[in-house]
Amino acid sequence: MRYVYILLIFAIAVVLFLFVFQNLASVAVSFFSSNLTLPLSVLMLGVYLLGMLTGGFVVALLRTLVHGATRKPKQD
């Protein structure tokens, strides 16, 4: 089973490197008055990481809200 995991990691790494090398073209990103030029693969990686971060915050917020809504009130 260990070799299956190693093979999967290797396959994912190969696909990732192929993606990066096929998307080396620079793109210009403008946000308000800021301009930034960077490779497309770097931009996509940044967007993916930002999405993971904000998605984690949304899940944590929803868990907190659900936990607060289902908690029984204290009886004095």
PDB file of N, CA and C in Angstrom:
ATOM      1  N   MET A   1       0.828  -1.195   0.000  1.00  0.00           N
ATOM      2  CA  MET A   1       0.000   0.000   0.000  1.00  0.00           C
ATOM      3  C   MET A   1       0.872   1.259   0.000  1.00  0.00           C
ATOM      4  N   ARG A   2       2.045   1.152   0.608  1.00  0.00           N
ATOM      5  CA  ARG A   2       2.951   2.281   0.664  1.00  0.00           C
ATOM      6  C   ARG A   2       3.370   2.712  -0.741  1.00  0.00           C
ATOM      7  N   TYR A   3       3.580   1.745  -1.619  1.00  0.00           N
ATOM      8  CA  TYR A   3       3.995   2.059  -2.982  1.00  0.00           C
ATOM      9  C   TYR A   3       2.878   2.737  -3.774  1.00  0.00           C
ATOM     10  N   VAL A   4       1.651   2.423  -3.449  1.00  0.00           N
ATOM     11  CA  VAL A   4       0.516   3.076  -4.110  1.00  0.00           C
ATOM     12  C   VAL A   4       0.503   4.559  -3.748  1.00  0.00           C
ATOM     13  N   TYR A   5       0.721   4.874  -2.469  1.00  0.00           N
ATOM     14  CA  TYR A   5       0.759   6.267  -2.032  1.00  0.00           C
ATOM     15  C   TYR A   5       1.919   7.012  -2.679  1.00  0.00           C
ATOM     16  N   ILE A   6       3.069   6.378  -2.748  1.00  0.00           N
ATOM     17  CA  ILE A   6       4.227   7.004  -3.383  1.00  0.00           C
ATOM     18  C   ILE A   6       3.946   7.261  -4.858  1.00  0.00           C
ATOM     19  N   LEU A   7       3.310   6.305  -5.517  1.00  0.00           N
ATOM     20  CA  LEU A   7       2.961   6.466  -6.924  1.00  0.00           C
ATOM     21  C   LEU A   7       1.955   7.606  -7.126  1.00  0.00           C
ATOM     22  N   LEU A   8       0.977   7.709  -6.243  1.00  0.00           N
ATOM     23  CA  LEU A   8      -0.001   8.796  -6.334  1.00  0.00           C
ATOM     24  C   LEU A   8       0.657  10.158  -6.125  1.00  0.00           C
ATOM     25  N   ILE A   9       1.539  10.257  -5.145  1.00  0.00           N
ATOM     26  CA  ILE A   9       2.244  11.515  -4.898  1.00  0.00           C
ATOM     27  C   ILE A   9       3.093  11.885  -6.108  1.00  0.00           C
ATOM     28  N   PHE A  10       3.772  10.914  -6.671  1.00  0.00           N
ATOM     29  CA  PHE A  10       4.600  11.152  -7.852  1.00  0.00           C
ATOM     30  C   PHE A  10       3.736  11.605  -9.032  1.00  0.00           C
ATOM     31  N   ALA A  11       2.601  10.968  -9.242  1.00  0.00           N
ATOM     32  CA  ALA A  11       1.717  11.330 -10.354  1.00  0.00           C
ATOM     33  C   ALA A  11       1.176  12.755 -10.177  1.00  0.00           C
ATOM     34  N   ILE A  12       0.791  13.113  -8.977  1.00  0.00           N
ATOM     35  CA  ILE A  12       0.288  14.465  -8.713  1.00  0.00           C
ATOM     36  C   ILE A  12       1.398  15.485  -8.941  1.00  0.00           C
ATOM     37  N   ALA A  13       2.614  15.169  -8.499  1.00  0.00           N
ATOM     38  CA  ALA A  13       3.745  16.078  -8.702  1.00  0.00           C
ATOM     39  C   ALA A  13       4.044  16.264 -10.182  1.00  0.00           C
ATOM     40  N   VAL A  14       3.987  15.203 -10.961  1.00  0.00           N
ATOM     41  CA  VAL A  14       4.246  15.302 -12.398  1.00  0.00           C
ATOM     42  C   VAL A  14       3.189  16.176 -13.064  1.00  0.00           C
ATOM     43  N   VAL A  15       1.935  15.975 -12.730  1.00  0.00           N
ATOM     44  CA  VAL A  15       0.856  16.784 -13.307  1.00  0.00           C
ATOM     45  C   VAL A  15       1.026  18.246 -12.913  1.00  0.00           C
ATOM     46  N   LEU A  16       1.391  18.496 -11.665  1.00  0.00           N
ATOM     47  CA  LEU A  16       1.594  19.870 -11.196  1.00  0.00           C
ATOM     48  C   LEU A  16       2.743  20.544 -11.947  1.00  0.00           C
ATOM     49  N   PHE A  17       3.862  19.847 -12.103  1.00  0.00           N
ATOM     50  CA  PHE A  17       4.986  20.422 -12.826  1.00  0.00           C
ATOM     51  C   PHE A  17       4.649  20.656 -14.297  1.00  0.00           C
ATOM     52  N   LEU A  18       3.916  19.742 -14.925  1.00  0.00           N
ATOM     53  CA  LEU A  18       3.488  19.953 -16.310  1.00  0.00           C
ATOM     54  C   LEU A  18       2.601  21.184 -16.433  1.00  0.00           C
ATOM     55  N   PHE A  19       1.707  21.359 -15.475  1.00  0.00           N
ATOM     56  CA  PHE A  19       0.830  22.530 -15.476  1.00  0.00           C
ATOM     57  C   PHE A  19       1.647  23.809 -15.369  1.00  0.00           C
ATOM     58  N   VAL A  20       2.614  23.824 -14.455  1.00  0.00           N
ATOM     59  CA  VAL A  20       3.419  25.026 -14.260  1.00  0.00           C
ATOM     60  C   VAL A  20       4.224  25.343 -15.516  1.00  0.00           C
ATOM     61  N   PHE A  21       4.862  24.345 -16.110  1.00  0.00           N
ATOM     62  CA  PHE A  21       5.690  24.599 -17.281  1.00  0.00           C
ATOM     63  C   PHE A  21       4.884  24.947 -18.531  1.00  0.00           C
ATOM     64  N   GLN A  22       3.630  24.541 -18.589  1.00  0.00           N
ATOM     65  CA  GLN A  22       2.799  24.885 -19.739  1.00  0.00           C
ATOM     66  C   GLN A  22       2.112  26.232 -19.570  1.00  0.00           C
ATOM     67  N   ASN A  23       2.175  26.817 -18.379  1.00  0.00           N
ATOM     68  CA  ASN A  23       1.518  28.102 -18.117  1.00  0.00           C
ATOM     69  C   ASN A  23       2.508  29.123 -17.586  1.00  0.00           C
ATOM     70  N   LEU A  24       3.609  29.303 -18.299  1.00  0.00           N
ATOM     71  CA  LEU A  24       4.625  30.269 -17.898  1.00  0.00           C
ATOM     72  C   LEU A  24       4.373  31.660 -18.467  1.00  0.00           C
ATOM     73  N   ALA A  25       3.363  31.810 -19.299  1.00  0.00           N
ATOM     74  CA  ALA A  25       3.057  33.117 -19.880  1.00  0.00           C
ATOM     75  C   ALA A  25       2.658  34.092 -18.777  1.00  0.00           C
ATOM     76  N   SER A  26       3.119  35.319 -18.905  1.00  0.00           N
ATOM     77  CA  SER A  26       2.809  36.330 -17.901  1.00  0.00           C
ATOM     78  C   SER A  26       1.427  36.930 -18.146  1.00  0.00           C
ATOM     79  N   VAL A  27       0.759  37.226 -17.071  1.00  0.00           N
ATOM     80  CA  VAL A  27      -0.537  37.890 -17.140  1.00  0.00           C
ATOM     81  C   VAL A  27      -0.487  39.128 -16.266  1.00  0.00           C
ATOM     82  N   ALA A  28      -1.236  40.133 -16.632  1.00  0.00           N
ATOM     83  CA  ALA A  28      -1.306  41.371 -15.863  1.00  0.00           C
ATOM     84  C   ALA A  28      -2.572  41.350 -15.017  1.00  0.00           C
ATOM     85  N   VAL A  29      -2.410  41.635 -13.751  1.00  0.00           N
ATOM     86  CA  VAL A  29      -3.534  41.676 -12.824  1.00  0.00           C
ATOM     87  C   VAL A  29      -3.648  43.095 -12.296  1.00  0.00           C
ATOM     88  N   SER A  30      -4.835  43.668 -12.369  1.00  0.00           N
ATOM     89  CA  SER A  30      -5.082  45.018 -11.859  1.00  0.00           C
ATOM     90  C   SER A  30      -6.118  44.944 -10.753  1.00  0.00           C
ATOM     91  N   PHE A  31      -5.820  45.609  -9.652  1.00  0.00           N
ATOM     92  CA  PHE A  31      -6.759  45.684  -8.540  1.00  0.00           C
ATOM     93  C   PHE A  31      -6.711  47.105  -8.015  1.00  0.00           C
ATOM     94  N   PHE A  32      -7.803  47.831  -8.170  1.00  0.00           N
ATOM     95  CA  PHE A  32      -7.872  49.261  -7.895  1.00  0.00           C
ATOM     96  C   PHE A  32      -6.763  49.963  -8.670  1.00  0.00           C
ATOM     97  N   SER A  33      -5.793  50.559  -8.015  1.00  0.00           N
ATOM     98  CA  SER A  33      -4.738  51.256  -8.748  1.00  0.00           C
ATOM     99  C   SER A  33      -3.443  50.454  -8.798  1.00  0.00           C
ATOM    100  N   SER A  34      -3.447  49.216  -8.287  1.00  0.00           N
ATOM    101  CA  SER A  34      -2.251  48.383  -8.291  1.00  0.00           C
ATOM    102  C   SER A  34      -2.217  47.509  -9.526  1.00  0.00           C
ATOM    103  N   ASN A  35      -1.044  47.359 -10.094  1.00  0.00           N
ATOM    104  CA  ASN A  35      -0.849  46.483 -11.248  1.00  0.00           C
ATOM    105  C   ASN A  35       0.250  45.494 -10.905  1.00  0.00           C
ATOM    106  N   LEU A  36       0.060  44.252 -11.329  1.00  0.00           N
ATOM    107  CA  LEU A  36       1.019  43.199 -11.046  1.00  0.00           C
ATOM    108  C   LEU A  36       1.095  42.287 -12.259  1.00  0.00           C
ATOM    109  N   THR A  37       2.311  41.932 -12.645  1.00  0.00           N
ATOM    110  CA  THR A  37       2.512  40.994 -13.746  1.00  0.00           C
ATOM    111  C   THR A  37       3.220  39.766 -13.195  1.00  0.00           C
ATOM    112  N   LEU A  38       2.627  38.599 -13.404  1.00  0.00           N
ATOM    113  CA  LEU A  38       3.203  37.360 -12.901  1.00  0.00           C
ATOM    114  C   LEU A  38       2.767  36.193 -13.778  1.00  0.00           C
ATOM    115  N   PRO A  39       3.457  35.051 -13.677  1.00  0.00           N
ATOM    116  CA  PRO A  39       3.057  33.887 -14.479  1.00  0.00           C
ATOM    117  C   PRO A  39       1.656  33.403 -14.101  1.00  0.00           C
ATOM    118  N   LEU A  40       0.964  32.888 -15.083  1.00  0.00           N
ATOM    119  CA  LEU A  40      -0.405  32.405 -14.876  1.00  0.00           C
ATOM    120  C   LEU A  40      -0.463  31.322 -13.809  1.00  0.00           C
ATOM    121  N   SER A  41       0.515  30.416 -13.794  1.00  0.00           N
ATOM    122  CA  SER A  41       0.499  29.331 -12.807  1.00  0.00           C
ATOM    123  C   SER A  41       0.636  29.865 -11.386  1.00  0.00           C
ATOM    124  N   VAL A  42       1.437  30.910 -11.190  1.00  0.00           N
ATOM    125  CA  VAL A  42       1.592  31.510  -9.863  1.00  0.00           C
ATOM    126  C   VAL A  42       0.291  32.180  -9.436  1.00  0.00           C
ATOM    127  N   LEU A  43      -0.348  32.863 -10.382  1.00  0.00           N
ATOM    128  CA  LEU A  43      -1.636  33.500 -10.090  1.00  0.00           C
ATOM    129  C   LEU A  43      -2.675  32.459  -9.679  1.00  0.00           C
ATOM    130  N   MET A  44      -2.749  31.356 -10.421  1.00  0.00           N
ATOM    131  CA  MET A  44      -3.726  30.314 -10.103  1.00  0.00           C
ATOM    132  C   MET A  44      -3.428  29.663  -8.750  1.00  0.00           C
ATOM    133  N   LEU A  45      -2.164  29.458  -8.443  1.00  0.00           N
ATOM    134  CA  LEU A  45      -1.800  28.906  -7.139  1.00  0.00           C
ATOM    135  C   LEU A  45      -2.209  29.858  -6.022  1.00  0.00           C
ATOM    136  N   GLY A  46      -1.978  31.140  -6.212  1.00  0.00           N
ATOM    137  CA  GLY A  46      -2.376  32.130  -5.206  1.00  0.00           C
ATOM    138  C   GLY A  46      -3.881  32.177  -5.001  1.00  0.00           C
ATOM    139  N   VAL A  47      -4.622  32.129  -6.088  1.00  0.00           N
ATOM    140  CA  VAL A  47      -6.087  32.127  -5.991  1.00  0.00           C
ATOM    141  C   VAL A  47      -6.582  30.872  -5.280  1.00  0.00           C
ATOM    142  N   TYR A  48      -5.954  29.743  -5.584  1.00  0.00           N
ATOM    143  CA  TYR A  48      -6.327  28.480  -4.934  1.00  0.00           C
ATOM    144  C   TYR A  48      -6.062  28.551  -3.435  1.00  0.00           C
ATOM    145  N   LEU A  49      -4.898  29.044  -3.035  1.00  0.00           N
ATOM    146  CA  LEU A  49      -4.565  29.147  -1.606  1.00  0.00           C
ATOM    147  C   LEU A  49      -5.484  30.138  -0.901  1.00  0.00           C
ATOM    148  N   LEU A  50      -5.794  31.257  -1.546  1.00  0.00           N
ATOM    149  CA  LEU A  50      -6.715  32.230  -0.970  1.00  0.00           C
ATOM    150  C   LEU A  50      -8.110  31.623  -0.807  1.00  0.00           C
ATOM    151  N   GLY A  51      -8.532  30.831  -1.769  1.00  0.00           N
ATOM    152  CA  GLY A  51      -9.827  30.153  -1.668  1.00  0.00           C
ATOM    153  C   GLY A  51      -9.859  29.141  -0.534  1.00  0.00           C
ATOM    154  N   MET A  52      -8.745  28.415  -0.343  1.00  0.00           N
ATOM    155  CA  MET A  52      -8.682  27.468   0.774  1.00  0.00           C
ATOM    156  C   MET A  52      -8.772  28.202   2.112  1.00  0.00           C
ATOM    157  N   LEU A  53      -8.059  29.322   2.212  1.00  0.00           N
ATOM    158  CA  LEU A  53      -8.049  30.093   3.448  1.00  0.00           C
ATOM    159  C   LEU A  53      -9.437  30.637   3.767  1.00  0.00           C
ATOM    160  N   THR A  54     -10.069  31.295   2.794  1.00  0.00           N
ATOM    161  CA  THR A  54     -11.386  31.868   3.042  1.00  0.00           C
ATOM    162  C   THR A  54     -12.441  30.785   3.220  1.00  0.00           C
ATOM    163  N   GLY A  55     -12.306  29.676   2.505  1.00  0.00           N
ATOM    164  CA  GLY A  55     -13.246  28.562   2.687  1.00  0.00           C
ATOM    165  C   GLY A  55     -13.151  27.986   4.093  1.00  0.00           C
ATOM    166  N   GLY A  56     -11.938  27.890   4.622  1.00  0.00           N
ATOM    167  CA  GLY A  56     -11.756  27.402   5.992  1.00  0.00           C
ATOM    168  C   GLY A  56     -12.404  28.329   7.008  1.00  0.00           C
ATOM    169  N   PHE A  57     -12.288  29.648   6.770  1.00  0.00           N
ATOM    170  CA  PHE A  57     -12.923  30.602   7.678  1.00  0.00           C
ATOM    171  C   PHE A  57     -14.444  30.489   7.622  1.00  0.00           C
ATOM    172  N   VAL A  58     -14.986  30.302   6.435  1.00  0.00           N
ATOM    173  CA  VAL A  58     -16.439  30.184   6.289  1.00  0.00           C
ATOM    174  C   VAL A  58     -16.938  28.921   6.990  1.00  0.00           C
ATOM    175  N   VAL A  59     -16.232  27.808   6.836  1.00  0.00           N
ATOM    176  CA  VAL A  59     -16.636  26.558   7.496  1.00  0.00           C
ATOM    177  C   VAL A  59     -16.572  26.719   9.007  1.00  0.00           C
ATOM    178  N   ALA A  60     -15.516  27.351   9.521  1.00  0.00           N
ATOM    179  CA  ALA A  60     -15.392  27.565  10.961  1.00  0.00           C
ATOM    180  C   ALA A  60     -16.522  28.465  11.475  1.00  0.00           C
ATOM    181  N   LEU A  61     -16.853  29.497  10.723  1.00  0.00           N
ATOM    182  CA  LEU A  61     -17.939  30.389  11.121  1.00  0.00           C
ATOM    183  C   LEU A  61     -19.270  29.645  11.136  1.00  0.00           C
ATOM    184  N   LEU A  62     -19.539  28.844  10.116  1.00  0.00           N
ATOM    185  CA  LEU A  62     -20.792  28.089  10.075  1.00  0.00           C
ATOM    186  C   LEU A  62     -20.880  27.091  11.220  1.00  0.00           C
ATOM    187  N   ARG A  63     -19.775  26.420  11.540  1.00  0.00           N
ATOM    188  CA  ARG A  63     -19.775  25.492  12.675  1.00  0.00           C
ATOM    189  C   ARG A  63     -20.092  26.215  13.972  1.00  0.00           C
ATOM    190  N   THR A  64     -19.495  27.384  14.162  1.00  0.00           N
ATOM    191  CA  THR A  64     -19.747  28.160  15.378  1.00  0.00           C
ATOM    192  C   THR A  64     -21.201  28.584  15.461  1.00  0.00           C
ATOM    193  N   LEU A  65     -21.747  29.035  14.337  1.00  0.00           N
ATOM    194  CA  LEU A  65     -23.145  29.466  14.334  1.00  0.00           C
ATOM    195  C   LEU A  65     -24.094  28.302  14.599  1.00  0.00           C
ATOM    196  N   VAL A  66     -23.835  27.156  13.994  1.00  0.00           N
ATOM    197  CA  VAL A  66     -24.684  25.987  14.212  1.00  0.00           C
ATOM    198  C   VAL A  66     -24.571  25.514  15.653  1.00  0.00           C
ATOM    199  N   HIS A  67     -23.351  25.507  16.186  1.00  0.00           N
ATOM    200  CA  HIS A  67     -23.158  25.075  17.575  1.00  0.00           C
ATOM    201  C   HIS A  67     -23.893  26.023  18.526  1.00  0.00           C
ATOM    202  N   GLY A  68     -23.825  27.340  18.258  1.00  0.00           N
ATOM    203  CA  GLY A  68     -24.525  28.311  19.103  1.00  0.00           C
ATOM    204  C   GLY A  68     -26.033  28.193  18.990  1.00  0.00           C
ATOM    205  N   ALA A  69     -26.512  27.854  17.815  1.00  0.00           N
ATOM    206  CA  ALA A  69     -27.960  27.744  17.615  1.00  0.00           C
ATOM    207  C   ALA A  69     -28.525  26.483  18.230  1.00  0.00           C
ATOM    208  N   THR A  70     -27.734  25.426  18.335  1.00  0.00           N
ATOM    209  CA  THR A  70     -28.237  24.164  18.858  1.00  0.00           C
ATOM    210  C   THR A  70     -27.915  23.968  20.335  1.00  0.00           C
ATOM    211  N   ARG A  71     -27.162  24.905  20.916  1.00  0.00           N
ATOM    212  CA  ARG A  71     -26.825  24.783  22.330  1.00  0.00           C
ATOM    213  C   ARG A  71     -28.045  25.079  23.184  1.00  0.00           C
ATOM    214  N   LYS A  72     -28.216  24.293  24.228  1.00  0.00           N
ATOM    215  CA  LYS A  72     -29.341  24.511  25.121  1.00  0.00           C
ATOM    216  C   LYS A  72     -29.012  25.672  26.061  1.00  0.00           C
ATOM    217  N   PRO A  73     -29.994  26.508  26.333  1.00  0.00           N
ATOM    218  CA  PRO A  73     -29.738  27.642  27.246  1.00  0.00           C
ATOM    219  C   PRO A  73     -29.500  27.145  28.669  1.00  0.00           C
ATOM    220  N   LYS A  74     -28.682  27.907  29.392  1.00  0.00           N
ATOM    221  CA  LYS A  74     -28.414  27.563  30.797  1.00  0.00           C
ATOM    222  C   LYS A  74     -29.640  27.875  31.634  1.00  0.00           C
ATOM    223  N   GLN A  75     -29.915  26.986  32.558  1.00  0.00           N
ATOM    224  CA  GLN A  75     -31.046  27.222  33.464  1.00  0.00           C
ATOM    225  C   GLN A  75     -30.483  27.594  34.814  1.00  0.00           C
ATOM    226  N   ASP A  76     -30.900  28.743  35.330  1.00  0.00           N
ATOM    227  CA  ASP A  76     -30.414  29.216  36.629  1.00  0.00           C
ATOM    228  C   ASP A  76     -31.271  28.735  37.753  1.00  0.00           C
TER     229      ASP A  76
END
